[in-house]
């Protein structure tokens, strides 16, 4: 074979391989979204799902709507400021997102130092606004305006739970002063709804009390006869309470009238049962163990109706919309390994790879909003979701490393 003929053959092979490569990659870069319909309609308490390691995260995506998982690579504004942005590389103990003037701000506490930071979601500029140091904070709860907080940690003795109430000035600057004091020691369960809190009194077994977020105006609500309770305060009138969830123990959920202390049981004897109550007290998003996996449902308090959802996730991975009372935002695992839930996830023996969905609880329509692995190339196990008052941004913690992220819901 002459050298000229050899060149022609090699050139032809290169062209053929190039065409084949283009065809392969053009068919595999878009990840399909599976519609699983009512795959979990045999929900707790109506049945048992015995499948293991099943694919989750189905539902429907409206073409051209907010559920599109298209990535904008046009080089426009979204390329210079991604929809999904990291707020902090460091471990965060708790954060809140809120409007202030024409801006949307994030306040969060660094877990290792207790320093408080402020970030503007538009510019992503960050300033340290606290001058206090409290190491090893494991939980920080915030008022809606980002000014008041309760930071919780273990003392050096490893046995005493401290709850520090702090308040920031109306105008924050670098190293603003934080004024505050300690609430009673050893408060095990505490829930915040803006300026109101409920907690189990550490000095009286099973006594549930309410107070202002600063601990003042303390009032008796009811006696629960033990300290092993889940608390979720909806507003000043209603709360959700229940046994702490475990996939090895059945539990119940109750609504609690804050003015009378009356409990109303609406779900009972279900493994791994937990939930979050809507801020107006009208509905509960619930999750539970189902076989070796998870199931999710919504309970309407007014209609006394339980509706199974096609998307299965833990209630800890959801937050109710503020602007649309019929919607909830949830991080939904793409798959759920066989396990004991929620125990295995709480203990860190199982980690998920999530997508963010918006679920309408009336018509059960679902919108896929975000796949972090597509946006960033990083798999995320999303928790501690919080949305601002206009539903323009949502923040969450990646449980894999406790980093804080913000997602622009309007893009």
Protein backbone atom coordinates (compact mmCIF):
# COMPACT_ATOMS: atom_id res chain seq x y z
CA UNK A 1 0.00 0.00 0.00
CA UNK A 2 1.38 3.42 -1.01
CA UNK A 3 1.86 6.17 1.58
CA UNK A 4 -0.86 8.26 -0.11
CA UNK A 5 -3.35 5.41 0.11
CA UNK A 6 -2.46 4.85 3.78
CA UNK A 7 -3.16 8.53 4.59
CA UNK A 8 -6.55 8.33 2.88
CA UNK A 9 -7.49 5.20 4.88
CA UNK A 10 -6.39 6.78 8.19
CA UNK A 11 -8.34 9.98 7.42
CA UNK A 12 -11.48 7.95 6.67
CA UNK A 13 -11.14 6.06 9.97
CA UNK A 14 -10.80 9.33 11.92
CA UNK A 15 -13.96 10.73 10.29
CA UNK A 16 -15.92 7.54 11.04
CA UNK A 17 -14.80 7.47 14.69
CA UNK A 18 -15.65 11.15 15.07
CA UNK A 19 -19.18 10.66 13.76
CA UNK A 20 -19.69 7.63 16.00
CA UNK A 21 -18.44 9.52 19.07
CA UNK A 22 -20.71 12.49 18.35
CA UNK A 23 -23.73 10.18 18.02
CA UNK A 24 -22.98 8.38 21.28
CA UNK A 25 -22.45 11.47 23.42
CA UNK A 26 -25.40 13.34 21.92
CA UNK A 27 -27.65 10.48 23.03
CA UNK A 28 -26.26 10.07 26.54
CA UNK A 29 -25.72 13.56 27.95
CA UNK A 30 -29.38 14.11 28.93
CA UNK A 31 -30.56 12.08 31.91
CA UNK A 32 -34.14 10.82 31.45
CA UNK A 33 -36.80 11.54 34.06
CA UNK A 34 -38.85 8.49 34.93
CA UNK A 35 -42.59 8.83 35.54
CA UNK A 36 -43.43 6.30 38.25
CA UNK A 37 -47.05 7.44 38.63
CA UNK A 38 -48.52 6.17 41.89
CA UNK A 39 -45.69 3.79 42.64
CA UNK A 40 -46.04 4.32 46.38
CA UNK A 41 -49.82 4.34 46.62
CA UNK A 42 -49.63 1.27 48.87
CA UNK A 43 -48.37 3.66 51.51
CA UNK A 44 -48.24 3.17 55.27
CA UNK A 45 -50.84 2.50 56.92
CA UNK A 46 -52.49 0.84 53.92
CA UNK A 47 -49.85 -1.70 52.94
CA UNK A 48 -46.20 -2.60 52.75
CA UNK A 49 -43.67 -2.04 50.01
CA UNK A 50 -41.28 -4.97 50.06
CA UNK A 51 -39.05 -3.82 47.21
CA UNK A 52 -35.45 -2.96 48.10
CA UNK A 53 -33.03 -0.49 46.59
CA UNK A 54 -35.81 0.87 44.38
CA UNK A 55 -35.40 3.88 42.12
CA UNK A 56 -37.01 6.99 43.59
CA UNK A 57 -37.53 10.52 42.39
CA UNK A 58 -40.15 9.97 39.73
CA UNK A 59 -43.09 12.20 38.95
CA UNK A 60 -43.92 14.44 36.04
CA UNK A 61 -42.04 17.37 34.59
CA UNK A 62 -44.00 20.05 32.76
CA UNK A 63 -42.34 20.78 29.40
CA UNK A 64 -40.86 24.24 29.28
CA UNK A 65 -41.80 24.95 32.90
CA UNK A 66 -39.73 25.39 36.01
CA UNK A 67 -39.20 21.65 36.09
CA UNK A 68 -36.93 21.63 33.03
CA UNK A 69 -33.52 20.17 33.83
CA UNK A 70 -31.90 21.99 30.89
CA UNK A 71 -28.51 23.57 31.59
CA UNK A 72 -27.92 27.06 30.15
CA UNK A 73 -24.48 27.12 28.55
CA UNK A 74 -25.13 30.18 26.44
CA UNK A 75 -22.64 32.35 28.29
CA UNK A 76 -25.37 34.75 29.48
CA UNK A 77 -26.15 35.89 33.00
CA UNK A 78 -26.82 32.39 34.28
CA UNK A 79 -23.33 31.36 33.21
CA UNK A 80 -21.71 34.18 35.21
CA UNK A 81 -23.96 33.65 38.24
CA UNK A 82 -25.05 30.00 38.45
CA UNK A 83 -28.53 29.15 39.74
CA UNK A 84 -26.95 26.95 42.42
CA UNK A 85 -24.21 28.64 44.43
CA UNK A 86 -22.14 27.59 47.43
CA UNK A 87 -22.53 29.97 50.37
CA UNK A 88 -19.95 28.40 52.67
CA UNK A 89 -17.30 25.69 52.38
CA UNK A 90 -17.17 25.40 56.15
CA UNK A 91 -19.57 23.31 58.22
CA UNK A 92 -22.72 25.24 59.11
CA UNK A 93 -24.91 24.62 62.16
CA UNK A 94 -27.98 26.49 60.91
CA UNK A 95 -29.06 29.21 58.47
CA UNK A 96 -31.99 31.46 57.57
CA UNK A 97 -32.81 33.33 54.35
CA UNK A 98 -34.88 36.50 54.51
CA UNK A 99 -35.62 39.75 52.67
CA UNK A 100 -34.13 43.05 53.80
CA UNK A 101 -34.89 46.14 51.76
CA UNK A 102 -34.21 45.30 48.13
CA UNK A 103 -31.90 42.42 49.03
CA UNK A 104 -32.25 38.81 50.05
CA UNK A 105 -29.82 37.93 52.80
CA UNK A 106 -28.59 34.74 54.44
CA UNK A 107 -27.47 34.55 58.06
CA UNK A 108 -25.65 31.44 59.19
CA UNK A 109 -23.44 30.22 62.01
CA UNK A 110 -20.14 28.45 61.53
CA UNK A 111 -20.26 25.15 63.40
CA UNK A 112 -16.63 25.07 64.49
CA UNK A 113 -16.31 28.63 65.84
CA UNK A 114 -19.83 29.94 66.41
CA UNK A 115 -19.06 33.00 64.26
CA UNK A 116 -22.07 34.45 62.42
CA UNK A 117 -21.88 35.42 58.74
CA UNK A 118 -24.10 37.39 56.39
CA UNK A 119 -24.27 36.77 52.64
CA UNK A 120 -26.14 38.73 49.97
CA UNK A 121 -27.68 36.26 47.50
CA UNK A 122 -27.21 38.67 44.60
CA UNK A 123 -23.56 39.63 45.04
CA UNK A 124 -22.59 36.59 47.18
CA UNK A 125 -20.46 38.92 49.29
CA UNK A 126 -19.86 37.59 52.79
CA UNK A 127 -19.09 39.44 56.01
CA UNK A 128 -18.56 38.16 59.55
CA UNK A 129 -21.13 39.94 61.68
CA UNK A 130 -20.51 38.38 65.10
CA UNK A 131 -17.81 39.03 67.67
CA UNK A 132 -18.43 35.96 69.83
CA UNK A 133 -16.84 32.52 69.75
CA UNK A 134 -18.77 29.41 70.77
CA UNK A 135 -17.03 26.28 69.48
CA UNK A 136 -18.77 23.11 68.32
CA UNK A 137 -22.33 24.38 67.79
CA UNK A 138 -24.46 21.47 66.60
CA UNK A 139 -27.72 23.36 65.94
CA UNK A 140 -28.70 26.99 65.35
CA UNK A 141 -32.36 28.04 65.13
CA UNK A 142 -33.35 31.46 63.74
CA UNK A 143 -36.21 33.94 63.80
CA UNK A 144 -37.67 34.78 60.38
CA UNK A 145 -35.96 38.17 60.21
CA UNK A 146 -32.49 36.72 60.84
CA UNK A 147 -31.93 38.87 63.93
CA UNK A 148 -32.55 36.40 66.77
CA UNK A 149 -31.10 32.94 67.22
CA UNK A 150 -30.75 30.02 69.58
CA UNK A 151 -27.39 28.24 69.35
CA UNK A 152 -27.22 24.77 70.92
CA UNK A 153 -24.16 22.79 71.91
CA UNK A 154 -22.74 20.38 74.47
CA UNK A 155 -20.59 21.72 77.29
CA UNK A 156 -17.11 20.33 77.77
CA UNK A 157 -18.50 17.79 80.23
CA UNK A 158 -20.22 16.09 77.25
CA UNK A 159 -23.47 15.80 79.20
CA UNK A 160 -24.99 19.29 79.49
CA UNK A 161 -26.92 20.78 76.58
CA UNK A 162 -26.56 24.55 76.41
CA UNK A 163 -29.04 26.77 74.53
CA UNK A 164 -27.75 30.31 74.02
CA UNK A 165 -30.21 33.01 72.96
CA UNK A 166 -28.62 35.85 71.02
CA UNK A 167 -29.82 38.93 69.17
CA UNK A 168 -28.13 40.95 66.43
CA UNK A 169 -28.50 44.71 65.92
CA UNK A 170 -30.99 45.96 63.32
CA UNK A 171 -28.08 47.18 61.19
CA UNK A 172 -25.29 44.64 61.01
CA UNK A 173 -21.65 45.49 60.36
CA UNK A 174 -18.38 43.60 60.59
CA UNK A 175 -18.07 42.10 64.08
CA UNK A 176 -21.37 43.47 65.33
CA UNK A 177 -22.05 42.81 69.00
CA UNK A 178 -24.31 39.88 69.87
CA UNK A 179 -26.27 40.31 73.07
CA UNK A 180 -27.83 37.34 74.82
CA UNK A 181 -27.96 34.83 77.60
CA UNK A 182 -28.49 31.14 78.26
CA UNK A 183 -31.88 29.46 78.37
CA UNK A 184 -32.38 26.60 80.88
CA UNK A 185 -29.75 23.86 80.57
CA UNK A 186 -30.53 20.45 79.06
CA UNK A 187 -33.44 21.39 76.81
CA UNK A 188 -33.53 18.29 74.61
CA UNK A 189 -36.26 19.17 72.12
CA UNK A 190 -36.99 22.71 70.96
CA UNK A 191 -38.90 24.13 67.99
CA UNK A 192 -38.95 27.71 66.70
CA UNK A 193 -41.65 29.48 64.70
CA UNK A 194 -40.41 33.01 64.09
CA UNK A 195 -40.50 34.70 67.53
CA UNK A 196 -42.14 31.79 69.39
CA UNK A 197 -40.68 28.56 70.79
CA UNK A 198 -41.93 25.38 72.40
CA UNK A 199 -39.77 22.96 74.34
CA UNK A 200 -39.85 20.18 76.90
CA UNK A 201 -39.05 21.63 80.31
CA UNK A 202 -35.80 19.98 81.50
CA UNK A 203 -36.80 20.43 85.14
CA UNK A 204 -40.19 18.69 84.90
CA UNK A 205 -40.50 15.36 83.11
CA UNK A 206 -42.68 15.59 79.99
CA UNK A 207 -43.94 19.13 80.58
CA UNK A 208 -44.31 21.08 77.32
CA UNK A 209 -44.00 24.85 77.61
CA UNK A 210 -44.20 27.78 75.21
CA UNK A 211 -42.28 31.05 75.36
CA UNK A 212 -40.98 33.92 73.31
CA UNK A 213 -37.80 33.07 71.42
CA UNK A 214 -35.81 34.87 74.13
CA UNK A 215 -37.28 32.58 76.81
CA UNK A 216 -39.63 35.18 78.31
CA UNK A 217 -43.41 34.78 78.80
CA UNK A 218 -43.02 31.10 79.59
CA UNK A 219 -46.35 29.26 79.81
CA UNK A 220 -47.46 25.67 80.46
CA UNK A 221 -49.07 23.98 77.43
CA UNK A 222 -49.58 20.32 78.34
CA UNK A 223 -47.95 17.28 79.94
CA UNK A 224 -46.59 14.60 77.62
CA UNK A 225 -45.39 12.28 80.41
CA UNK A 226 -41.94 11.73 78.86
CA UNK A 227 -39.15 13.61 77.10
CA UNK A 228 -38.99 11.43 74.00
CA UNK A 229 -41.00 13.63 71.62
CA UNK A 230 -40.70 15.25 68.21
CA UNK A 231 -41.84 18.91 68.20
CA UNK A 232 -42.73 21.11 65.21
CA UNK A 233 -44.35 24.47 65.96
CA UNK A 234 -46.52 25.70 63.09
CA UNK A 235 -47.63 29.05 64.55
CA UNK A 236 -48.86 30.52 67.82
CA UNK A 237 -52.02 28.37 67.70
CA UNK A 238 -50.94 24.89 66.57
CA UNK A 239 -48.03 22.44 66.66
CA UNK A 240 -47.22 18.94 65.47
CA UNK A 241 -45.96 16.45 68.04
CA UNK A 242 -45.13 12.76 67.91
CA UNK A 243 -42.84 10.05 69.12
CA UNK A 244 -39.24 10.38 67.96
CA UNK A 245 -39.10 8.36 64.72
CA UNK A 246 -37.41 5.00 64.32
CA UNK A 247 -37.85 2.31 61.69
CA UNK A 248 -37.72 -0.22 64.53
CA UNK A 249 -40.53 1.31 66.62
CA UNK A 250 -44.07 2.33 65.68
CA UNK A 251 -45.08 5.90 66.36
CA UNK A 252 -48.00 8.33 66.28
CA UNK A 253 -48.51 11.91 65.12
CA UNK A 254 -50.77 14.46 66.83
CA UNK A 255 -51.86 18.00 66.21
CA UNK A 256 -51.64 20.12 69.34
CA UNK A 257 -53.90 23.08 70.12
CA UNK A 258 -51.54 25.54 71.80
CA UNK A 259 -54.30 27.39 73.65
CA UNK A 260 -56.03 24.35 75.19
CA UNK A 261 -53.25 21.75 75.18
CA UNK A 262 -55.61 19.29 73.44
CA UNK A 263 -53.94 16.61 71.34
CA UNK A 264 -55.63 15.05 68.31
CA UNK A 265 -54.10 11.83 66.97
CA UNK A 266 -54.34 11.46 63.19
CA UNK A 267 -51.73 8.80 62.36
CA UNK A 268 -50.92 5.85 64.57
CA UNK A 269 -48.73 2.74 64.96
CA UNK A 270 -46.47 3.40 61.95
CA UNK A 271 -42.78 2.56 61.73
CA UNK A 272 -40.38 5.47 61.23
CA UNK A 273 -43.19 8.03 61.28
CA UNK A 274 -42.24 11.69 61.20
CA UNK A 275 -43.56 14.91 59.65
CA UNK A 276 -43.55 18.67 59.23
CA UNK A 277 -46.62 20.85 59.66
CA UNK A 278 -47.57 23.64 57.27
CA UNK A 279 -47.11 27.13 58.76
CA UNK A 280 -50.87 27.75 58.75
CA UNK A 281 -51.47 24.41 60.49
CA UNK A 282 -53.64 23.09 57.66
CA UNK A 283 -51.60 20.13 56.43
CA UNK A 284 -48.78 17.77 57.38
CA UNK A 285 -46.13 16.27 55.12
CA UNK A 286 -45.39 12.84 56.60
CA UNK A 287 -42.83 10.15 55.88
CA UNK A 288 -42.39 6.64 57.22
CA UNK A 289 -40.56 3.38 56.77
CA UNK A 290 -42.06 1.14 54.10
CA UNK A 291 -40.48 -2.28 53.98
CA UNK A 292 -36.77 -1.46 53.81
CA UNK A 293 -37.42 1.87 52.08
CA UNK A 294 -39.38 5.10 52.50
CA UNK A 295 -42.90 6.33 51.71
CA UNK A 296 -44.35 9.86 51.80
CA UNK A 297 -47.86 11.27 52.15
CA UNK A 298 -49.74 14.49 52.88
CA UNK A 299 -52.47 14.70 55.50
CA UNK A 300 -55.14 17.42 55.20
CA UNK A 301 -56.21 18.42 58.69
CA UNK A 302 -59.48 20.05 57.58
CA UNK A 303 -60.53 17.14 55.34
CA UNK A 304 -59.00 14.44 57.54
CA UNK A 305 -57.63 12.90 54.36
CA UNK A 306 -54.31 11.11 53.82
CA UNK A 307 -52.93 11.18 50.27
CA UNK A 308 -49.99 9.02 49.19
CA UNK A 309 -47.32 10.70 47.04
CA UNK A 310 -45.43 9.26 44.10
CA UNK A 311 -42.20 10.85 45.31
CA UNK A 312 -40.69 9.15 48.35
CA UNK A 313 -38.47 11.11 50.73
CA UNK A 314 -38.01 11.93 54.41
CA UNK A 315 -39.87 14.89 55.87
CA UNK A 316 -36.51 16.18 57.16
CA UNK A 317 -35.65 16.89 53.52
CA UNK A 318 -38.69 19.12 52.88
CA UNK A 319 -39.90 22.65 53.56
CA UNK A 320 -43.33 24.18 52.97
CA UNK A 321 -43.60 26.94 50.39
CA UNK A 322 -44.25 30.39 51.85
CA UNK A 323 -45.83 31.98 48.77
CA UNK A 324 -47.98 28.96 47.78
CA UNK A 325 -49.62 27.13 50.68
CA UNK A 326 -50.51 24.17 48.45
CA UNK A 327 -46.88 23.39 47.62
CA UNK A 328 -43.92 21.85 49.38
CA UNK A 329 -40.26 21.72 48.30
CA UNK A 330 -38.54 18.36 48.82
CA UNK A 331 -35.13 16.87 48.20
CA UNK A 332 -35.88 13.40 46.85
CA UNK A 333 -33.27 10.63 46.66
CA UNK A 334 -32.66 9.22 43.19
CA UNK A 335 -32.50 5.79 44.85
CA UNK A 336 -32.97 4.48 48.38
CA UNK A 337 -30.71 1.61 49.49
CA UNK A 338 -32.29 -1.07 51.64
CA UNK A 339 -32.11 -0.01 55.25
CA UNK A 340 -33.88 0.99 58.44
CA UNK A 341 -35.33 4.48 57.98
CA UNK A 342 -34.97 7.14 59.12
CA UNK A 343 -32.39 5.64 61.53
CA UNK A 344 -29.72 4.78 58.96
CA UNK A 345 -29.87 8.28 57.45
CA UNK A 346 -29.81 10.02 60.84
CA UNK A 347 -26.80 7.95 61.92
CA UNK A 348 -24.92 8.57 58.67
CA UNK A 349 -24.67 4.95 57.60
CA UNK A 350 -26.67 5.83 54.46
CA UNK A 351 -26.17 8.91 52.29
CA UNK A 352 -28.49 9.96 49.46
CA UNK A 353 -28.06 11.61 46.08
CA UNK A 354 -30.95 14.05 45.81
CA UNK A 355 -32.90 16.09 43.32
CA UNK A 356 -35.03 19.08 44.34
CA UNK A 357 -38.75 18.89 43.51
CA UNK A 358 -41.77 21.12 44.02
CA UNK A 359 -44.92 19.16 44.88
CA UNK A 360 -48.45 20.51 44.65
CA UNK A 361 -50.44 18.69 47.34
CA UNK A 362 -53.84 19.45 45.76
CA UNK A 363 -53.38 18.16 42.20
CA UNK A 364 -50.21 16.14 43.00
CA UNK A 365 -48.34 17.79 40.15
CA UNK A 366 -44.56 17.61 40.54
CA UNK A 367 -41.85 19.85 39.09
CA UNK A 368 -38.21 18.84 38.95
CA UNK A 369 -36.32 22.01 39.85
CA UNK A 370 -32.73 20.95 40.37
CA UNK A 371 -30.32 18.08 39.93
CA UNK A 372 -27.17 19.18 41.80
CA UNK A 373 -25.03 16.59 40.06
CA UNK A 374 -25.84 18.21 36.70
CA UNK A 375 -25.44 21.79 37.93
CA UNK A 376 -22.18 21.27 39.83
CA UNK A 377 -20.94 17.74 39.18
CA UNK A 378 -21.37 17.06 42.91
CA UNK A 379 -23.84 14.62 44.47
CA UNK A 380 -25.67 16.21 47.39
CA UNK A 381 -27.62 14.83 50.34
CA UNK A 382 -29.87 17.83 51.01
CA UNK A 383 -31.29 18.72 54.42
CA UNK A 384 -32.33 21.77 56.53
CA UNK A 385 -34.15 23.43 53.64
CA UNK A 386 -35.35 27.02 54.11
CA UNK A 387 -37.17 29.25 51.62
CA UNK A 388 -37.53 33.03 51.68
CA UNK A 389 -40.87 34.85 51.95
CA UNK A 390 -41.33 35.29 48.18
CA UNK A 391 -40.17 31.80 47.18
CA UNK A 392 -37.35 33.34 45.15
CA UNK A 393 -34.51 31.41 46.81
CA UNK A 394 -34.07 28.23 48.78
CA UNK A 395 -31.10 27.32 50.96
CA UNK A 396 -30.03 23.89 52.15
CA UNK A 397 -27.17 22.05 53.79
CA UNK A 398 -25.33 19.25 52.01
CA UNK A 399 -25.29 16.57 54.70
CA UNK A 400 -22.21 14.98 53.14
CA UNK A 401 -19.99 17.84 54.34
CA UNK A 402 -22.37 20.32 56.09
CA UNK A 403 -21.65 23.00 53.46
CA UNK A 404 -24.36 25.62 52.76
CA UNK A 405 -25.89 26.26 49.32
CA UNK A 406 -28.45 28.64 47.80
CA UNK A 407 -30.60 27.95 44.74
CA UNK A 408 -32.38 30.61 42.69
CA UNK A 409 -35.95 29.37 42.20
CA UNK A 410 -36.80 32.04 39.60
CA UNK A 411 -34.29 30.88 36.99
